[in-house]
C-alpha cells in the first residue's frame, strides 16, 4: 500500500467535482497545511484554486501523483512546492533533487504546454552556523536558477517561516502568482 493512498483517494473524489483550468498548489507538508479555500476567500481571489499537496511528499514520488491531478484538473497554472521533505530526509543531494524537479517540470510540459509553472522556495527556518548558508538556502538558490533556466516563475516564500502564521504569510506572497493580472484598484483596496 502506497503511503499517499488515502490522500490520493480523497483528491480523486474532490477532482470529480472540481472545475478544470484553475490553479493547483501541489507540494509537500508545508503546502498541504495551507488552507487554500479560506485564504482564497479572505484575500478575495476570484479564481479556482485547489490544494493537491501530500504529507511528506518527495519530489521523487511526485510524478505518479501529479499525473492524475493533471489529467483530472487540467490546470492553467501549477504551483510546485517540493524539495523540503527530501532536504529533511537527507537521502538525496541538492543536485539530485534538482534533476528530479526538472524531470517533473518536463512531464508537466509534455502533458500541457500552456500550463504556467511556478516553482516555490522551500519554507524552513533552519539554523546554521553564522556565516554559512543553510541547506534550505542552497536548495532555494538552486531552485531559483533552475526556474529561470526552464522559464518558470519563481516564488520566494522563505521569509514566511519567520512569521507568526507562516501559511497565511506564504499564501499572501503566493497570491501574486495565483492571479493572472493585478489591477490598480486591487492594490489600492488591499485585496491583493
Protein backbone atom coordinates (compact mmCIF):
# COMPACT_ATOMS: atom_id res chain seq x y z
CA UNK A 1 0.00 0.00 0.00
CA UNK A 2 1.29 3.40 -1.05
CA UNK A 3 1.78 5.88 1.82
CA UNK A 4 -0.10 8.53 -0.16
CA UNK A 5 -3.08 6.30 -0.98
CA UNK A 6 -5.60 7.80 1.45
CA UNK A 7 -4.85 11.37 0.38
CA UNK A 8 -4.90 10.34 -3.28
CA UNK A 9 -8.32 8.71 -2.88
CA UNK A 10 -9.68 11.87 -1.26
CA UNK A 11 -8.28 14.08 -4.03
CA UNK A 12 -9.73 11.79 -6.70
CA UNK A 13 -13.20 12.36 -5.20
CA UNK A 14 -12.64 16.10 -4.98
CA UNK A 15 -11.33 16.24 -8.55
CA UNK A 16 -14.61 14.79 -9.80
CA UNK A 17 -16.45 17.93 -8.66
CA UNK A 18 -13.68 20.48 -9.27
CA UNK A 19 -13.69 22.75 -12.31
CA UNK A 20 -10.83 22.40 -14.80
CA UNK A 21 -8.44 25.20 -15.82
CA UNK A 22 -7.87 26.54 -12.34
CA UNK A 23 -4.73 26.95 -10.28
CA UNK A 24 -3.29 23.94 -8.45
CA UNK A 25 -0.94 24.03 -5.48
CA UNK A 26 0.99 20.77 -5.50
CA UNK A 27 3.55 20.13 -2.81
CA UNK A 28 4.55 18.54 0.44
CA UNK A 29 3.63 19.06 4.09
CA UNK A 30 4.05 22.84 4.28
CA UNK A 31 1.86 23.34 1.21
CA UNK A 32 -0.67 20.80 2.47
CA UNK A 33 -1.15 22.89 5.62
CA UNK A 34 -2.18 25.98 3.64
CA UNK A 35 -5.98 26.38 3.96
CA UNK A 36 -6.42 27.49 0.36
CA UNK A 37 -10.23 27.83 0.41
CA UNK A 38 -10.31 30.03 3.49
CA UNK A 39 -7.41 32.18 2.37
CA UNK A 40 -8.80 32.49 -1.16
CA UNK A 41 -11.94 33.99 0.40
CA UNK A 42 -10.01 36.14 2.87
CA UNK A 43 -7.90 37.62 0.05
CA UNK A 44 -10.96 37.91 -2.22
CA UNK A 45 -9.46 35.92 -5.10
CA UNK A 46 -11.90 35.32 -7.94
CA UNK A 47 -10.28 32.20 -9.43
CA UNK A 48 -10.43 28.47 -8.72
CA UNK A 49 -7.53 27.37 -6.51
CA UNK A 50 -7.08 23.75 -5.46
CA UNK A 51 -4.60 22.35 -2.95
CA UNK A 52 -3.44 18.88 -4.00
CA UNK A 53 -0.48 18.55 -1.66
CA UNK A 54 0.57 15.43 0.22
CA UNK A 55 2.09 14.86 3.64
CA UNK A 56 5.87 14.44 3.36
CA UNK A 57 5.82 14.20 -0.44
CA UNK A 58 9.20 13.64 -2.03
CA UNK A 59 9.96 15.19 -5.40
CA UNK A 60 10.94 11.65 -6.44
CA UNK A 61 7.41 10.35 -5.72
CA UNK A 62 5.63 13.38 -7.18
CA UNK A 63 5.35 12.40 -10.88
CA UNK A 64 3.00 9.49 -10.24
CA UNK A 65 0.69 11.57 -8.05
CA UNK A 66 0.80 14.65 -10.24
CA UNK A 67 -0.23 12.82 -13.41
CA UNK A 68 -3.72 12.15 -12.07
CA UNK A 69 -4.05 15.73 -10.91
CA UNK A 70 -3.06 17.00 -14.36
CA UNK A 71 -5.47 14.76 -16.22
CA UNK A 72 -8.42 15.46 -13.89
CA UNK A 73 -7.95 19.19 -13.30
CA UNK A 74 -6.07 20.30 -16.43
CA UNK A 75 -4.70 23.35 -14.56
CA UNK A 76 -3.82 26.57 -16.34
CA UNK A 77 -1.22 27.18 -13.63
CA UNK A 78 0.55 24.89 -11.18
CA UNK A 79 2.49 25.98 -8.12
CA UNK A 80 5.13 23.41 -7.14
CA UNK A 81 6.29 23.36 -3.51
CA UNK A 82 8.63 20.38 -3.32
CA UNK A 83 12.08 19.58 -2.01
CA UNK A 84 11.66 20.30 1.69
CA UNK A 85 10.90 16.66 2.56
CA UNK A 86 13.89 15.47 0.53
CA UNK A 87 16.12 18.01 2.23
CA UNK A 88 14.91 16.99 5.70
CA UNK A 89 15.38 13.28 4.97
CA UNK A 90 18.89 13.85 3.67
CA UNK A 91 18.81 10.82 1.36
CA UNK A 92 19.47 12.83 -1.79
CA UNK A 93 21.81 15.66 -2.67
CA UNK A 94 20.63 19.04 -3.88
CA UNK A 95 21.76 18.28 -7.47
CA UNK A 96 19.73 15.03 -7.37
CA UNK A 97 16.68 16.92 -6.11
CA UNK A 98 17.06 19.45 -8.94
CA UNK A 99 17.33 16.71 -11.59
CA UNK A 100 14.10 15.12 -10.29
CA UNK A 101 12.42 18.55 -10.26
CA UNK A 102 13.50 19.20 -13.86
CA UNK A 103 12.04 15.86 -14.90
CA UNK A 104 8.75 16.71 -13.16
CA UNK A 105 8.56 20.05 -14.99
CA UNK A 106 9.27 18.23 -18.26
CA UNK A 107 6.37 15.86 -17.53
CA UNK A 108 4.03 18.81 -16.91
CA UNK A 109 5.05 20.45 -20.18
CA UNK A 110 4.60 17.18 -22.07
CA UNK A 111 1.07 16.94 -20.73
CA UNK A 112 0.13 20.61 -21.19
CA UNK A 113 2.50 23.02 -22.95
CA UNK A 114 0.36 26.02 -21.94
CA UNK A 115 0.33 25.31 -18.21
CA UNK A 116 2.23 28.04 -16.38
CA UNK A 117 4.60 26.67 -13.76
CA UNK A 118 5.62 28.41 -10.55
CA UNK A 119 8.46 26.89 -8.54
CA UNK A 120 8.14 27.78 -4.86
CA UNK A 121 11.08 28.05 -2.49
CA UNK A 122 11.24 25.73 0.48
CA UNK A 123 9.99 27.45 3.59
CA UNK A 124 12.05 26.44 6.54
CA UNK A 125 13.66 28.25 9.42
CA UNK A 126 16.71 26.03 9.73
CA UNK A 127 19.51 27.31 11.90
CA UNK A 128 23.04 27.49 10.61
CA UNK A 129 26.46 28.40 11.79
CA UNK A 130 26.96 32.17 11.44
CA UNK A 131 28.49 32.96 8.07
CA UNK A 132 27.37 29.65 6.50
CA UNK A 133 24.49 29.20 4.12
CA UNK A 134 21.81 26.71 5.28
CA UNK A 135 20.89 23.67 3.18
CA UNK A 136 17.47 25.30 2.61
CA UNK A 137 19.12 28.48 1.29
CA UNK A 138 21.35 26.40 -1.00
CA UNK A 139 18.34 24.47 -2.31
CA UNK A 140 16.37 27.69 -2.83
CA UNK A 141 19.25 29.18 -4.79
CA UNK A 142 19.36 26.06 -6.99
CA UNK A 143 15.56 26.12 -7.40
CA UNK A 144 15.62 29.76 -8.49
CA UNK A 145 18.40 29.10 -11.01
CA UNK A 146 16.51 26.07 -12.36
CA UNK A 147 13.24 28.03 -12.63
CA UNK A 148 14.96 30.79 -14.58
CA UNK A 149 16.69 28.31 -16.88
CA UNK A 150 13.44 26.40 -17.55
CA UNK A 151 11.42 29.61 -17.99
CA UNK A 152 9.23 29.05 -14.94
CA UNK A 153 8.28 31.67 -12.39
CA UNK A 154 9.99 31.52 -9.01
CA UNK A 155 8.19 32.42 -5.78
CA UNK A 156 10.43 33.04 -2.80
CA UNK A 157 8.32 32.43 0.32
CA UNK A 158 11.24 31.50 2.56
CA UNK A 159 10.68 34.52 4.82
CA UNK A 160 7.22 33.17 5.75
CA UNK A 161 8.90 30.69 8.13
CA UNK A 162 9.70 33.56 10.49
CA UNK A 163 6.09 34.79 10.54
CA UNK A 164 3.67 34.17 13.39
CA UNK A 165 1.32 32.49 10.87
CA UNK A 166 3.65 31.01 8.23
CA UNK A 167 0.96 29.50 5.98
CA UNK A 168 -1.01 32.76 5.87
CA UNK A 169 2.15 34.74 5.08
CA UNK A 170 3.11 32.21 2.39
CA UNK A 171 -0.33 32.40 0.74
CA UNK A 172 -0.21 36.18 0.92
CA UNK A 173 3.05 36.06 -1.03
CA UNK A 174 1.77 33.42 -3.46
CA UNK A 175 -1.42 35.29 -4.37
CA UNK A 176 0.60 37.42 -6.80
CA UNK A 177 1.50 34.22 -8.66
CA UNK A 178 -2.04 32.82 -8.45
CA UNK A 179 -3.66 35.77 -10.18
CA UNK A 180 -3.24 36.27 -13.92
CA UNK A 181 -3.27 40.02 -13.60
CA UNK A 182 -3.46 42.56 -10.84
CA UNK A 183 -5.38 45.80 -11.24
CA UNK A 184 -4.51 49.08 -9.61
CA UNK A 185 -7.82 49.00 -7.74
CA UNK A 186 -6.88 45.59 -6.29
CA UNK A 187 -3.68 47.08 -4.94
CA UNK A 188 -5.40 50.25 -3.67
CA UNK A 189 -8.20 48.31 -1.95
CA UNK A 190 -5.76 45.87 -0.40
CA UNK A 191 -7.46 42.81 -1.89
CA UNK A 192 -4.15 41.84 -3.43
